[in-house]
Amino acid sequence: PPGHVYDSKDDSTTRYYHPTWWNGDMEGPNGTIPTTPSDLTLIRET
């Protein structure tokens, strides 16, 4: 899985990537739908 790391010490695979938009596909109170207006200059420069 992308954004994950495996560790043989405990045979675990955990997600390390936690961007602010990650839960945007979730239904209910844990889902996050952004309300930020588009900044065209920021989009272009980034």
PDB file of all heavy atoms in Angstrom:
ATOM      1  N   PRO A   1       0.808  -1.223   0.000  1.00  0.00           N
ATOM      2  CA  PRO A   1       0.000   0.000   0.000  1.00  0.00           C
ATOM      3  C   PRO A   1       0.846   1.281   0.000  1.00  0.00           C
ATOM      4  O   PRO A   1       1.814   1.380   0.766  1.00  0.00           O
ATOM      5  CB  PRO A   1      -0.821  -0.120   1.288  1.00  0.00           C
ATOM      6  CG  PRO A   1      -0.023  -1.029   2.172  1.00  0.00           C
ATOM      7  CD  PRO A   1       0.653  -1.998   1.254  1.00  0.00           C
ATOM      8  N   PRO A   2       0.505   2.251  -0.836  1.00  0.00           N
ATOM      9  CA  PRO A   2       1.229   3.528  -0.840  1.00  0.00           C
ATOM     10  C   PRO A   2       1.120   4.229   0.519  1.00  0.00           C
ATOM     11  O   PRO A   2       0.155   4.037   1.255  1.00  0.00           O
ATOM     12  CB  PRO A   2       0.499   4.337  -1.918  1.00  0.00           C
ATOM     13  CG  PRO A   2      -0.178   3.324  -2.781  1.00  0.00           C
ATOM     14  CD  PRO A   2      -0.545   2.203  -1.859  1.00  0.00           C
ATOM     15  N   GLY A   3       2.122   5.027   0.824  1.00  0.00           N
ATOM     16  CA  GLY A   3       2.088   5.802   2.057  1.00  0.00           C
ATOM     17  C   GLY A   3       2.207   4.975   3.313  1.00  0.00           C
ATOM     18  O   GLY A   3       1.863   5.436   4.408  1.00  0.00           O
ATOM     19  N   HIS A   4       2.706   3.739   3.198  1.00  0.00           N
ATOM     20  CA  HIS A   4       2.844   2.837   4.343  1.00  0.00           C
ATOM     21  C   HIS A   4       4.300   2.407   4.515  1.00  0.00           C
ATOM     22  O   HIS A   4       5.098   2.483   3.581  1.00  0.00           O
ATOM     23  CB  HIS A   4       1.981   1.589   4.164  1.00  0.00           C
ATOM     24  CG  HIS A   4       0.521   1.816   4.412  1.00  0.00           C
ATOM     25  ND1 HIS A   4      -0.260   2.622   3.605  1.00  0.00           N
ATOM     26  CD2 HIS A   4      -0.313   1.329   5.389  1.00  0.00           C
ATOM     27  CE1 HIS A   4      -1.498   2.629   4.069  1.00  0.00           C
ATOM     28  NE2 HIS A   4      -1.556   1.860   5.145  1.00  0.00           N
ATOM     29  N   VAL A   5       4.606   1.915   5.705  1.00  0.00           N
ATOM     30  CA  VAL A   5       5.932   1.392   6.012  1.00  0.00           C
ATOM     31  C   VAL A   5       5.777   0.061   6.753  1.00  0.00           C
ATOM     32  O   VAL A   5       4.930  -0.071   7.646  1.00  0.00           O
ATOM     33  CB  VAL A   5       6.763   2.407   6.830  1.00  0.00           C
ATOM     34  CG1 VAL A   5       6.068   2.785   8.126  1.00  0.00           C
ATOM     35  CG2 VAL A   5       8.163   1.868   7.089  1.00  0.00           C
ATOM     36  N   TYR A   6       6.568  -0.913   6.333  1.00  0.00           N
ATOM     37  CA  TYR A   6       6.586  -2.234   6.982  1.00  0.00           C
ATOM     38  C   TYR A   6       7.784  -2.314   7.909  1.00  0.00           C
ATOM     39  O   TYR A   6       8.863  -1.812   7.599  1.00  0.00           O
ATOM     40  CB  TYR A   6       6.683  -3.339   5.934  1.00  0.00           C
ATOM     41  CG  TYR A   6       6.992  -4.704   6.521  1.00  0.00           C
ATOM     42  CD1 TYR A   6       5.978  -5.503   7.045  1.00  0.00           C
ATOM     43  CD2 TYR A   6       8.305  -5.185   6.559  1.00  0.00           C
ATOM     44  CE1 TYR A   6       6.258  -6.747   7.593  1.00  0.00           C
ATOM     45  CE2 TYR A   6       8.598  -6.438   7.108  1.00  0.00           C
ATOM     46  CZ  TYR A   6       7.568  -7.210   7.633  1.00  0.00           C
ATOM     47  OH  TYR A   6       7.855  -8.428   8.165  1.00  0.00           O
ATOM     48  N   ASP A   7       7.609  -2.985   9.055  1.00  0.00           N
ATOM     49  CA  ASP A   7       8.685  -3.139  10.031  1.00  0.00           C
ATOM     50  C   ASP A   7       8.718  -4.597  10.491  1.00  0.00           C
ATOM     51  O   ASP A   7       7.750  -5.120  11.053  1.00  0.00           O
ATOM     52  CB  ASP A   7       8.424  -2.224  11.231  1.00  0.00           C
ATOM     53  CG  ASP A   7       9.606  -2.168  12.190  1.00  0.00           C
ATOM     54  OD1 ASP A   7      10.527  -2.994  12.054  1.00  0.00           O
ATOM     55  OD2 ASP A   7       9.602  -1.289  13.066  1.00  0.00           O
ATOM     56  N   SER A   8       9.839  -5.278  10.224  1.00  0.00           N
ATOM     57  CA  SER A   8       9.951  -6.687  10.595  1.00  0.00           C
ATOM     58  C   SER A   8      10.046  -6.874  12.108  1.00  0.00           C
ATOM     59  O   SER A   8       9.814  -7.978  12.615  1.00  0.00           O
ATOM     60  CB  SER A   8      11.182  -7.312   9.929  1.00  0.00           C
ATOM     61  OG  SER A   8      12.381  -6.750  10.450  1.00  0.00           O
ATOM     62  N   LYS A   9      10.369  -5.810  12.827  1.00  0.00           N
ATOM     63  CA  LYS A   9      10.513  -5.921  14.285  1.00  0.00           C
ATOM     64  C   LYS A   9       9.231  -6.428  14.935  1.00  0.00           C
ATOM     65  O   LYS A   9       9.257  -7.232  15.853  1.00  0.00           O
ATOM     66  CB  LYS A   9      10.928  -4.568  14.874  1.00  0.00           C
ATOM     67  CG  LYS A   9      11.209  -4.604  16.364  1.00  0.00           C
ATOM     68  CD  LYS A   9      11.917  -3.340  16.818  1.00  0.00           C
ATOM     69  CE  LYS A   9      11.068  -2.096  16.612  1.00  0.00           C
ATOM     70  NZ  LYS A   9      11.715  -0.879  17.167  1.00  0.00           N
ATOM     71  N   ASP A  10       8.086  -5.956  14.432  1.00  0.00           N
ATOM     72  CA  ASP A  10       6.800  -6.431  14.956  1.00  0.00           C
ATOM     73  C   ASP A  10       5.878  -6.899  13.842  1.00  0.00           C
ATOM     74  O   ASP A  10       4.670  -7.063  14.057  1.00  0.00           O
ATOM     75  CB  ASP A  10       6.115  -5.342  15.788  1.00  0.00           C
ATOM     76  CG  ASP A  10       5.958  -4.035  15.010  1.00  0.00           C
ATOM     77  OD1 ASP A  10       6.271  -4.016  13.796  1.00  0.00           O
ATOM     78  OD2 ASP A  10       5.517  -3.040  15.603  1.00  0.00           O
ATOM     79  N   ASP A  11       6.450  -7.086  12.648  1.00  0.00           N
ATOM     80  CA  ASP A  11       5.687  -7.572  11.489  1.00  0.00           C
ATOM     81  C   ASP A  11       4.472  -6.685  11.204  1.00  0.00           C
ATOM     82  O   ASP A  11       3.395  -7.169  10.851  1.00  0.00           O
ATOM     83  CB  ASP A  11       5.244  -9.021  11.700  1.00  0.00           C
ATOM     84  CG  ASP A  11       4.804  -9.694  10.401  1.00  0.00           C
ATOM     85  OD1 ASP A  11       5.354  -9.358   9.346  1.00  0.00           O
ATOM     86  OD2 ASP A  11       3.882 -10.534  10.450  1.00  0.00           O
ATOM     87  N   SER A  12       4.667  -5.373  11.340  1.00  0.00           N
ATOM     88  CA  SER A  12       3.554  -4.436  11.166  1.00  0.00           C
ATOM     89  C   SER A  12       3.698  -3.640   9.871  1.00  0.00           C
ATOM     90  O   SER A  12       4.800  -3.404   9.384  1.00  0.00           O
ATOM     91  CB  SER A  12       3.501  -3.457  12.348  1.00  0.00           C
ATOM     92  OG  SER A  12       4.681  -2.647  12.365  1.00  0.00           O
ATOM     93  N   THR A  13       2.558  -3.240   9.327  1.00  0.00           N
ATOM     94  CA  THR A  13       2.515  -2.320   8.200  1.00  0.00           C
ATOM     95  C   THR A  13       1.594  -1.175   8.600  1.00  0.00           C
ATOM     96  O   THR A  13       0.398  -1.381   8.846  1.00  0.00           O
ATOM     97  CB  THR A  13       1.980  -3.001   6.931  1.00  0.00           C
ATOM     98  OG1 THR A  13       2.834  -4.105   6.588  1.00  0.00           O
ATOM     99  CG2 THR A  13       1.949  -2.029   5.768  1.00  0.00           C
ATOM    100  N   THR A  14       2.147   0.035   8.698  1.00  0.00           N
ATOM    101  CA  THR A  14       1.375   1.185   9.178  1.00  0.00           C
ATOM    102  C   THR A  14       1.458   2.328   8.184  1.00  0.00           C
ATOM    103  O   THR A  14       2.428   2.483   7.451  1.00  0.00           O
ATOM    104  CB  THR A  14       1.906   1.664  10.533  1.00  0.00           C
ATOM    105  OG1 THR A  14       3.319   1.937  10.421  1.00  0.00           O
ATOM    106  CG2 THR A  14       1.691   0.615  11.605  1.00  0.00           C
ATOM    107  N   ARG A  15       0.392   3.140   8.186  1.00  0.00           N
ATOM    108  CA  ARG A  15       0.362   4.293   7.285  1.00  0.00           C
ATOM    109  C   ARG A  15       1.104   5.465   7.931  1.00  0.00           C
ATOM    110  O   ARG A  15       0.808   5.840   9.071  1.00  0.00           O
ATOM    111  CB  ARG A  15      -1.079   4.687   6.957  1.00  0.00           C
ATOM    112  CG  ARG A  15      -1.177   5.843   5.968  1.00  0.00           C
ATOM    113  CD  ARG A  15      -2.520   5.851   5.254  1.00  0.00           C
ATOM    114  NE  ARG A  15      -3.637   6.073   6.145  1.00  0.00           N
ATOM    115  CZ  ARG A  15      -4.117   7.287   6.457  1.00  0.00           C
ATOM    116  NH1 ARG A  15      -3.548   8.373   5.933  1.00  0.00           N
ATOM    117  NH2 ARG A  15      -5.137   7.420   7.261  1.00  0.00           N
ATOM    118  N   TYR A  16       2.060   6.033   7.187  1.00  0.00           N
ATOM    119  CA  TYR A  16       2.789   7.200   7.683  1.00  0.00           C
ATOM    120  C   TYR A  16       2.291   8.495   7.056  1.00  0.00           C
ATOM    121  O   TYR A  16       2.558   9.587   7.571  1.00  0.00           O
ATOM    122  CB  TYR A  16       4.294   7.053   7.416  1.00  0.00           C
ATOM    123  CG  TYR A  16       4.674   7.089   5.952  1.00  0.00           C
ATOM    124  CD1 TYR A  16       4.821   8.293   5.266  1.00  0.00           C
ATOM    125  CD2 TYR A  16       4.891   5.909   5.241  1.00  0.00           C
ATOM    126  CE1 TYR A  16       5.165   8.325   3.923  1.00  0.00           C
ATOM    127  CE2 TYR A  16       5.239   5.931   3.897  1.00  0.00           C
ATOM    128  CZ  TYR A  16       5.367   7.147   3.237  1.00  0.00           C
ATOM    129  OH  TYR A  16       5.694   7.182   1.904  1.00  0.00           O
ATOM    130  N   TYR A  17       1.576   8.408   5.959  1.00  0.00           N
ATOM    131  CA  TYR A  17       1.138   9.602   5.205  1.00  0.00           C
ATOM    132  C   TYR A  17      -0.255   9.998   5.673  1.00  0.00           C
ATOM    133  O   TYR A  17      -1.224   9.253   5.496  1.00  0.00           O
ATOM    134  CB  TYR A  17       1.141   9.282   3.725  1.00  0.00           C
ATOM    135  CG  TYR A  17       0.760  10.440   2.815  1.00  0.00           C
ATOM    136  CD1 TYR A  17       1.406  11.673   2.908  1.00  0.00           C
ATOM    137  CD2 TYR A  17      -0.232  10.291   1.847  1.00  0.00           C
ATOM    138  CE1 TYR A  17       1.069  12.724   2.059  1.00  0.00           C
ATOM    139  CE2 TYR A  17      -0.567  11.327   0.996  1.00  0.00           C
ATOM    140  CZ  TYR A  17       0.082  12.541   1.110  1.00  0.00           C
ATOM    141  OH  TYR A  17      -0.269  13.580   0.267  1.00  0.00           O
ATOM    142  N   HIS A  18      -0.366  11.187   6.267  1.00  0.00           N
ATOM    143  CA  HIS A  18      -1.643  11.659   6.816  1.00  0.00           C
ATOM    144  C   HIS A  18      -1.918  13.089   6.349  1.00  0.00           C
ATOM    145  O   HIS A  18      -1.875  14.026   7.155  1.00  0.00           O
ATOM    146  CB  HIS A  18      -1.609  11.609   8.343  1.00  0.00           C
ATOM    147  CG  HIS A  18      -1.388  10.250   8.918  1.00  0.00           C
ATOM    148  ND1 HIS A  18      -2.405   9.339   9.111  1.00  0.00           N
ATOM    149  CD2 HIS A  18      -0.249   9.625   9.318  1.00  0.00           C
ATOM    150  CE1 HIS A  18      -1.919   8.225   9.617  1.00  0.00           C
ATOM    151  NE2 HIS A  18      -0.608   8.362   9.752  1.00  0.00           N
ATOM    152  N   PRO A  19      -2.230  13.304   5.077  1.00  0.00           N
ATOM    153  CA  PRO A  19      -2.506  14.661   4.607  1.00  0.00           C
ATOM    154  C   PRO A  19      -3.863  15.145   5.113  1.00  0.00           C
ATOM    155  O   PRO A  19      -4.716  14.339   5.525  1.00  0.00           O
ATOM    156  CB  PRO A  19      -2.521  14.493   3.082  1.00  0.00           C
ATOM    157  CG  PRO A  19      -2.975  13.089   2.869  1.00  0.00           C
ATOM    158  CD  PRO A  19      -2.371  12.297   4.005  1.00  0.00           C
ATOM    159  N   THR A  20      -4.078  16.437   5.063  1.00  0.00           N
ATOM    160  CA  THR A  20      -5.314  17.014   5.595  1.00  0.00           C
ATOM    161  C   THR A  20      -6.546  16.573   4.824  1.00  0.00           C
ATOM    162  O   THR A  20      -7.655  16.544   5.366  1.00  0.00           O
ATOM    163  CB  THR A  20      -5.238  18.551   5.564  1.00  0.00           C
ATOM    164  OG1 THR A  20      -5.007  18.978   4.201  1.00  0.00           O
ATOM    165  CG2 THR A  20      -4.102  19.062   6.438  1.00  0.00           C
ATOM    166  N   TRP A  21      -6.392  16.189   3.567  1.00  0.00           N
ATOM    167  CA  TRP A  21      -7.538  15.863   2.718  1.00  0.00           C
ATOM    168  C   TRP A  21      -7.888  14.370   2.728  1.00  0.00           C
ATOM    169  O   TRP A  21      -8.839  13.955   2.060  1.00  0.00           O
ATOM    170  CB  TRP A  21      -7.261  16.288   1.274  1.00  0.00           C
ATOM    171  CG  TRP A  21      -5.934  15.797   0.742  1.00  0.00           C
ATOM    172  CD1 TRP A  21      -4.738  16.467   0.771  1.00  0.00           C
ATOM    173  CD2 TRP A  21      -5.669  14.526   0.125  1.00  0.00           C
ATOM    174  NE1 TRP A  21      -3.747  15.699   0.215  1.00  0.00           N
ATOM    175  CE2 TRP A  21      -4.280  14.503  -0.200  1.00  0.00           C
ATOM    176  CE3 TRP A  21      -6.444  13.413  -0.178  1.00  0.00           C
ATOM    177  CZ2 TRP A  21      -3.675  13.407  -0.812  1.00  0.00           C
ATOM    178  CZ3 TRP A  21      -5.840  12.320  -0.790  1.00  0.00           C
ATOM    179  CH2 TRP A  21      -4.477  12.331  -1.105  1.00  0.00           C
ATOM    180  N   TRP A  22      -7.161  13.558   3.481  1.00  0.00           N
ATOM    181  CA  TRP A  22      -7.241  12.108   3.351  1.00  0.00           C
ATOM    182  C   TRP A  22      -8.645  11.539   3.611  1.00  0.00           C
ATOM    183  O   TRP A  22      -9.074  10.582   2.968  1.00  0.00           O
ATOM    184  CB  TRP A  22      -6.245  11.445   4.292  1.00  0.00           C
ATOM    185  CG  TRP A  22      -6.083   9.980   4.030  1.00  0.00           C
ATOM    186  CD1 TRP A  22      -6.624   8.950   4.739  1.00  0.00           C
ATOM    187  CD2 TRP A  22      -5.342   9.381   2.966  1.00  0.00           C
ATOM    188  NE1 TRP A  22      -6.269   7.748   4.197  1.00  0.00           N
ATOM    189  CE2 TRP A  22      -5.471   7.986   3.095  1.00  0.00           C
ATOM    190  CE3 TRP A  22      -4.569   9.877   1.924  1.00  0.00           C
ATOM    191  CZ2 TRP A  22      -4.867   7.083   2.228  1.00  0.00           C
ATOM    192  CZ3 TRP A  22      -3.963   8.985   1.050  1.00  0.00           C
ATOM    193  CH2 TRP A  22      -4.115   7.609   1.198  1.00  0.00           C
ATOM    194  N   ASN A  23      -9.386  12.115   4.542  1.00  0.00           N
ATOM    195  CA  ASN A  23     -10.695  11.576   4.904  1.00  0.00           C
ATOM    196  C   ASN A  23     -11.831  12.174   4.073  1.00  0.00           C
ATOM    197  O   ASN A  23     -13.009  12.000   4.426  1.00  0.00           O
ATOM    198  CB  ASN A  23     -10.968  11.805   6.393  1.00  0.00           C
ATOM    199  CG  ASN A  23     -10.069  10.969   7.269  1.00  0.00           C
ATOM    200  OD1 ASN A  23      -9.653   9.869   6.890  1.00  0.00           O
ATOM    201  ND2 ASN A  23      -9.732  11.483   8.444  1.00  0.00           N
ATOM    202  N   GLY A  24     -11.490  12.838   2.997  1.00  0.00           N
ATOM    203  CA  GLY A  24     -12.521  13.508   2.201  1.00  0.00           C
ATOM    204  C   GLY A  24     -13.489  12.584   1.503  1.00  0.00           C
ATOM    205  O   GLY A  24     -14.533  13.027   1.021  1.00  0.00           O
ATOM    206  N   ASP A  25     -13.183  11.291   1.439  1.00  0.00           N
ATOM    207  CA  ASP A  25     -14.094  10.350   0.780  1.00  0.00           C
ATOM    208  C   ASP A  25     -15.009   9.648   1.774  1.00  0.00           C
ATOM    209  O   ASP A  25     -15.837   8.811   1.389  1.00  0.00           O
ATOM    210  CB  ASP A  25     -13.298   9.311   0.002  1.00  0.00           C
ATOM    211  CG  ASP A  25     -12.344   8.508   0.879  1.00  0.00           C
ATOM    212  OD1 ASP A  25     -11.969   9.015   1.947  1.00  0.00           O
ATOM    213  OD2 ASP A  25     -11.958   7.398   0.475  1.00  0.00           O
ATOM    214  N   MET A  26     -14.885   9.981   3.040  1.00  0.00           N
ATOM    215  CA  MET A  26     -15.665   9.294   4.077  1.00  0.00           C
ATOM    216  C   MET A  26     -17.033   9.944   4.264  1.00  0.00           C
ATOM    217  O   MET A  26     -17.195  11.165   4.163  1.00  0.00           O
ATOM    218  CB  MET A  26     -14.909   9.302   5.404  1.00  0.00           C
ATOM    219  CG  MET A  26     -13.612   8.509   5.393  1.00  0.00           C
ATOM    220  SD  MET A  26     -12.726   8.621   6.958  1.00  0.00           S
ATOM    221  CE  MET A  26     -13.940   7.903   8.083  1.00  0.00           C
ATOM    222  N   GLU A  27     -18.028   9.107   4.527  1.00  0.00           N
ATOM    223  CA  GLU A  27     -19.357   9.598   4.864  1.00  0.00           C
ATOM    224  C   GLU A  27     -19.403   9.913   6.359  1.00  0.00           C
ATOM    225  O   GLU A  27     -18.645   9.366   7.146  1.00  0.00           O
ATOM    226  CB  GLU A  27     -20.411   8.530   4.533  1.00  0.00           C
ATOM    227  CG  GLU A  27     -20.381   8.045   3.085  1.00  0.00           C
ATOM    228  CD  GLU A  27     -20.979   9.033   2.118  1.00  0.00           C
ATOM    229  OE1 GLU A  27     -21.586  10.018   2.589  1.00  0.00           O
ATOM    230  OE2 GLU A  27     -20.842   8.830   0.893  1.00  0.00           O
ATOM    231  N   GLY A  28     -20.294  10.791   6.757  1.00  0.00           N
ATOM    232  CA  GLY A  28     -20.503  11.040   8.176  1.00  0.00           C
ATOM    233  C   GLY A  28     -19.592  12.102   8.765  1.00  0.00           C
ATOM    234  O   GLY A  28     -18.883  12.812   8.036  1.00  0.00           O
ATOM    235  N   PRO A  29     -19.561  12.211  10.078  1.00  0.00           N
ATOM    236  CA  PRO A  29     -18.847  13.307  10.757  1.00  0.00           C
ATOM    237  C   PRO A  29     -17.334  13.262  10.585  1.00  0.00           C
ATOM    238  O   PRO A  29     -16.667  14.283  10.761  1.00  0.00           O
ATOM    239  CB  PRO A  29     -19.242  13.116  12.232  1.00  0.00           C
ATOM    240  CG  PRO A  29     -19.636  11.669  12.346  1.00  0.00           C
ATOM    241  CD  PRO A  29     -20.261  11.328  11.032  1.00  0.00           C
ATOM    242  N   ASN A  30     -16.773  12.102  10.278  1.00  0.00           N
ATOM    243  CA  ASN A  30     -15.324  12.017  10.118  1.00  0.00           C
ATOM    244  C   ASN A  30     -14.849  12.450   8.738  1.00  0.00           C
ATOM    245  O   ASN A  30     -13.661  12.611   8.508  1.00  0.00           O
ATOM    246  CB  ASN A  30     -14.851  10.587  10.400  1.00  0.00           C
ATOM    247  CG  ASN A  30     -15.028  10.200  11.856  1.00  0.00           C
ATOM    248  OD1 ASN A  30     -14.878  11.036  12.737  1.00  0.00           O
ATOM    249  ND2 ASN A  30     -15.369   8.943  12.098  1.00  0.00           N
ATOM    250  N   GLY A  31     -15.781  12.590   7.818  1.00  0.00           N
ATOM    251  CA  GLY A  31     -15.418  13.047   6.485  1.00  0.00           C
ATOM    252  C   GLY A  31     -15.122  14.541   6.478  1.00  0.00           C
ATOM    253  O   GLY A  31     -15.716  15.309   7.247  1.00  0.00           O
ATOM    254  N   THR A  32     -14.173  14.948   5.651  1.00  0.00           N
ATOM    255  CA  THR A  32     -13.795  16.367   5.589  1.00  0.00           C
ATOM    256  C   THR A  32     -14.003  16.874   4.173  1.00  0.00           C
ATOM    257  O   THR A  32     -13.388  16.369   3.235  1.00  0.00           O
ATOM    258  CB  THR A  32     -12.328  16.564   5.996  1.00  0.00           C
ATOM    259  OG1 THR A  32     -11.494  15.728   5.183  1.00  0.00           O
ATOM    260  CG2 THR A  32     -12.108  16.208   7.457  1.00  0.00           C
ATOM    261  N   ILE A  33     -14.867  17.846   4.020  1.00  0.00           N
ATOM    262  CA  ILE A  33     -15.108  18.473   2.727  1.00  0.00           C
ATOM    263  C   ILE A  33     -14.554  19.899   2.799  1.00  0.00           C
ATOM    264  O   ILE A  33     -14.982  20.693   3.636  1.00  0.00           O
ATOM    265  CB  ILE A  33     -16.615  18.518   2.387  1.00  0.00           C
ATOM    266  CG1 ILE A  33     -17.226  17.120   2.496  1.00  0.00           C
ATOM    267  CG2 ILE A  33     -16.809  19.097   0.986  1.00  0.00           C
ATOM    268  CD1 ILE A  33     -16.604  16.100   1.563  1.00  0.00           C
ATOM    269  N   PRO A  34     -13.582  20.248   1.957  1.00  0.00           N
ATOM    270  CA  PRO A  34     -12.941  21.554   2.074  1.00  0.00           C
ATOM    271  C   PRO A  34     -13.864  22.713   1.687  1.00  0.00           C
ATOM    272  O   PRO A  34     -14.796  22.540   0.898  1.00  0.00           O
ATOM    273  CB  PRO A  34     -11.761  21.456   1.096  1.00  0.00           C
ATOM    274  CG  PRO A  34     -12.167  20.418   0.106  1.00  0.00           C
ATOM    275  CD  PRO A  34     -13.001  19.425   0.873  1.00  0.00           C
ATOM    276  N   THR A  35     -13.577  23.857   2.253  1.00  0.00           N
ATOM    277  CA  THR A  35     -14.347  25.072   1.947  1.00  0.00           C
ATOM    278  C   THR A  35     -13.421  26.221   1.538  1.00  0.00           C
ATOM    279  O   THR A  35     -13.865  27.355   1.415  1.00  0.00           O
ATOM    280  CB  THR A  35     -15.172  25.502   3.170  1.00  0.00           C
ATOM    281  OG1 THR A  35     -14.288  25.715   4.284  1.00  0.00           O
ATOM    282  CG2 THR A  35     -16.195  24.440   3.540  1.00  0.00           C
ATOM    283  N   THR A  36     -12.137  25.923   1.310  1.00  0.00           N
ATOM    284  CA  THR A  36     -11.159  26.964   0.983  1.00  0.00           C
ATOM    285  C   THR A  36     -11.356  27.465  -0.448  1.00  0.00           C
ATOM    286  O   THR A  36     -11.383  26.657  -1.385  1.00  0.00           O
ATOM    287  CB  THR A  36      -9.731  26.428   1.124  1.00  0.00           C
ATOM    288  OG1 THR A  36      -9.565  25.866   2.424  1.00  0.00           O
ATOM    289  CG2 THR A  36      -8.707  27.523   0.892  1.00  0.00           C
ATOM    290  N   PRO A  37     -11.480  28.783  -0.650  1.00  0.00           N
ATOM    291  CA  PRO A  37     -11.566  29.308  -2.017  1.00  0.00           C
ATOM    292  C   PRO A  37     -10.273  29.041  -2.778  1.00  0.00           C
ATOM    293  O   PRO A  37      -9.195  28.935  -2.188  1.00  0.00           O
ATOM    294  CB  PRO A  37     -11.780  30.813  -1.803  1.00  0.00           C
ATOM    295  CG  PRO A  37     -12.206  30.972  -0.387  1.00  0.00           C
ATOM    296  CD  PRO A  37     -11.566  29.847   0.363  1.00  0.00           C
ATOM    297  N   SER A  38     -10.364  28.919  -4.078  1.00  0.00           N
ATOM    298  CA  SER A  38      -9.166  28.657  -4.878  1.00  0.00           C
ATOM    299  C   SER A  38      -8.283  29.899  -4.926  1.00  0.00           C
ATOM    300  O   SER A  38      -8.758  31.016  -5.111  1.00  0.00           O
ATOM    301  CB  SER A  38      -9.556  28.242  -6.300  1.00  0.00           C
ATOM    302  OG  SER A  38     -10.310  29.252  -6.935  1.00  0.00           O
ATOM    303  N   ASP A  39      -6.995  29.698  -4.736  1.00  0.00           N
ATOM    304  CA  ASP A  39      -5.985  30.753  -4.865  1.00  0.00           C
ATOM    305  C   ASP A  39      -5.214  30.441  -6.147  1.00  0.00           C
ATOM    306  O   ASP A  39      -4.322  29.594  -6.159  1.00  0.00           O
ATOM    307  CB  ASP A  39      -5.063  30.740  -3.647  1.00  0.00           C
ATOM    308  CG  ASP A  39      -4.022  31.861  -3.663  1.00  0.00           C
ATOM    309  OD1 ASP A  39      -3.647  32.310  -4.767  1.00  0.00           O
ATOM    310  OD2 ASP A  39      -3.558  32.250  -2.578  1.00  0.00           O
ATOM    311  N   LEU A  40      -5.567  31.117  -7.230  1.00  0.00           N
ATOM    312  CA  LEU A  40      -5.003  30.781  -8.536  1.00  0.00           C
ATOM    313  C   LEU A  40      -3.495  30.993  -8.582  1.00  0.00           C
ATOM    314  O   LEU A  40      -2.768  30.213  -9.209  1.00  0.00           O
ATOM    315  CB  LEU A  40      -5.694  31.601  -9.630  1.00  0.00           C
ATOM    316  CG  LEU A  40      -7.209  31.400  -9.762  1.00  0.00           C
ATOM    317  CD1 LEU A  40      -7.747  32.205 -10.937  1.00  0.00           C
ATOM    318  CD2 LEU A  40      -7.565  29.935  -9.908  1.00  0.00           C
ATOM    319  N   THR A  41      -3.018  32.020  -7.915  1.00  0.00           N
ATOM    320  CA  THR A  41      -1.572  32.264  -7.882  1.00  0.00           C
ATOM    321  C   THR A  41      -0.859  31.137  -7.157  1.00  0.00           C
ATOM    322  O   THR A  41       0.191  30.644  -7.598  1.00  0.00           O
ATOM    323  CB  THR A  41      -1.265  33.608  -7.200  1.00  0.00           C
ATOM    324  OG1 THR A  41      -1.888  34.668  -7.934  1.00  0.00           O
ATOM    325  CG2 THR A  41       0.239  33.855  -7.152  1.00  0.00           C
ATOM    326  N   LEU A  42      -1.418  30.696  -6.042  1.00  0.00           N
ATOM    327  CA  LEU A  42      -0.811  29.605  -5.277  1.00  0.00           C
ATOM    328  C   LEU A  42      -0.824  28.305  -6.085  1.00  0.00           C
ATOM    329  O   LEU A  42       0.155  27.554  -6.070  1.00  0.00           O
ATOM    330  CB  LEU A  42      -1.555  29.418  -3.960  1.00  0.00           C
ATOM    331  CG  LEU A  42      -0.996  28.346  -3.007  1.00  0.00           C
ATOM    332  CD1 LEU A  42       0.433  28.693  -2.598  1.00  0.00           C
ATOM    333  CD2 LEU A  42      -1.893  28.219  -1.770  1.00  0.00           C
ATOM    334  N   ILE A  43      -1.911  28.037  -6.777  1.00  0.00           N
ATOM    335  CA  ILE A  43      -1.992  26.845  -7.617  1.00  0.00           C
ATOM    336  C   ILE A  43      -0.889  26.872  -8.670  1.00  0.00           C
ATOM    337  O   ILE A  43      -0.176  25.887  -8.885  1.00  0.00           O
ATOM    338  CB  ILE A  43      -3.382  26.739  -8.281  1.00  0.00           C
ATOM    339  CG1 ILE A  43      -4.442  26.404  -7.222  1.00  0.00           C
ATOM    340  CG2 ILE A  43      -3.379  25.691  -9.395  1.00  0.00           C
ATOM    341  CD1 ILE A  43      -5.870  26.465  -7.742  1.00  0.00           C
ATOM    342  N   ARG A  44      -0.744  28.021  -9.330  1.00  0.00           N
ATOM    343  CA  ARG A  44       0.256  28.137 -10.394  1.00  0.00           C
ATOM    344  C   ARG A  44       1.672  27.999  -9.829  1.00  0.00           C
ATOM    345  O   ARG A  44       2.485  27.233 -10.363  1.00  0.00           O
ATOM    346  CB  ARG A  44       0.109  29.485 -11.108  1.00  0.00           C
ATOM    347  CG  ARG A  44       1.105  29.687 -12.249  1.00  0.00           C
ATOM    348  CD  ARG A  44       0.853  30.963 -13.027  1.00  0.00           C
ATOM    349  NE  ARG A  44       1.066  32.164 -12.218  1.00  0.00           N
ATOM    350  CZ  ARG A  44       0.080  32.930 -11.742  1.00  0.00           C
ATOM    351  NH1 ARG A  44      -1.179  32.623 -11.992  1.00  0.00           N
ATOM    352  NH2 ARG A  44       0.343  34.002 -11.017  1.00  0.00           N
ATOM    353  N   GLU A  45       1.974  28.704  -8.767  1.00  0.00           N
ATOM    354  CA  GLU A  45       3.339  28.694  -8.242  1.00  0.00           C
ATOM    355  C   GLU A  45       3.709  27.345  -7.630  1.00  0.00           C
ATOM    356  O   GLU A  45       4.864  26.913  -7.720  1.00  0.00           O
ATOM    357  CB  GLU A  45       3.491  29.811  -7.209  1.00  0.00           C
ATOM    358  CG  GLU A  45       3.423  31.204  -7.836  1.00  0.00           C
ATOM    359  CD  GLU A  45       3.542  32.328  -6.804  1.00  0.00           C
ATOM    360  OE1 GLU A  45       3.463  32.019  -5.589  1.00  0.00           O
ATOM    361  OE2 GLU A  45       3.699  33.489  -7.211  1.00  0.00           O
ATOM    362  N   THR A  46       2.741  26.655  -7.031  1.00  0.00           N
ATOM    363  CA  THR A  46       3.035  25.349  -6.449  1.00  0.00           C
ATOM    364  C   THR A  46       3.306  24.321  -7.530  1.00  0.00           C
ATOM    365  O   THR A  46       4.195  23.470  -7.390  1.00  0.00           O
ATOM    366  CB  THR A  46       1.868  24.884  -5.554  1.00  0.00           C
ATOM    367  OG1 THR A  46       1.553  25.905  -4.612  1.00  0.00           O
ATOM    368  CG2 THR A  46       2.240  23.619  -4.801  1.00  0.00           C
TER     369      THR A  46
END
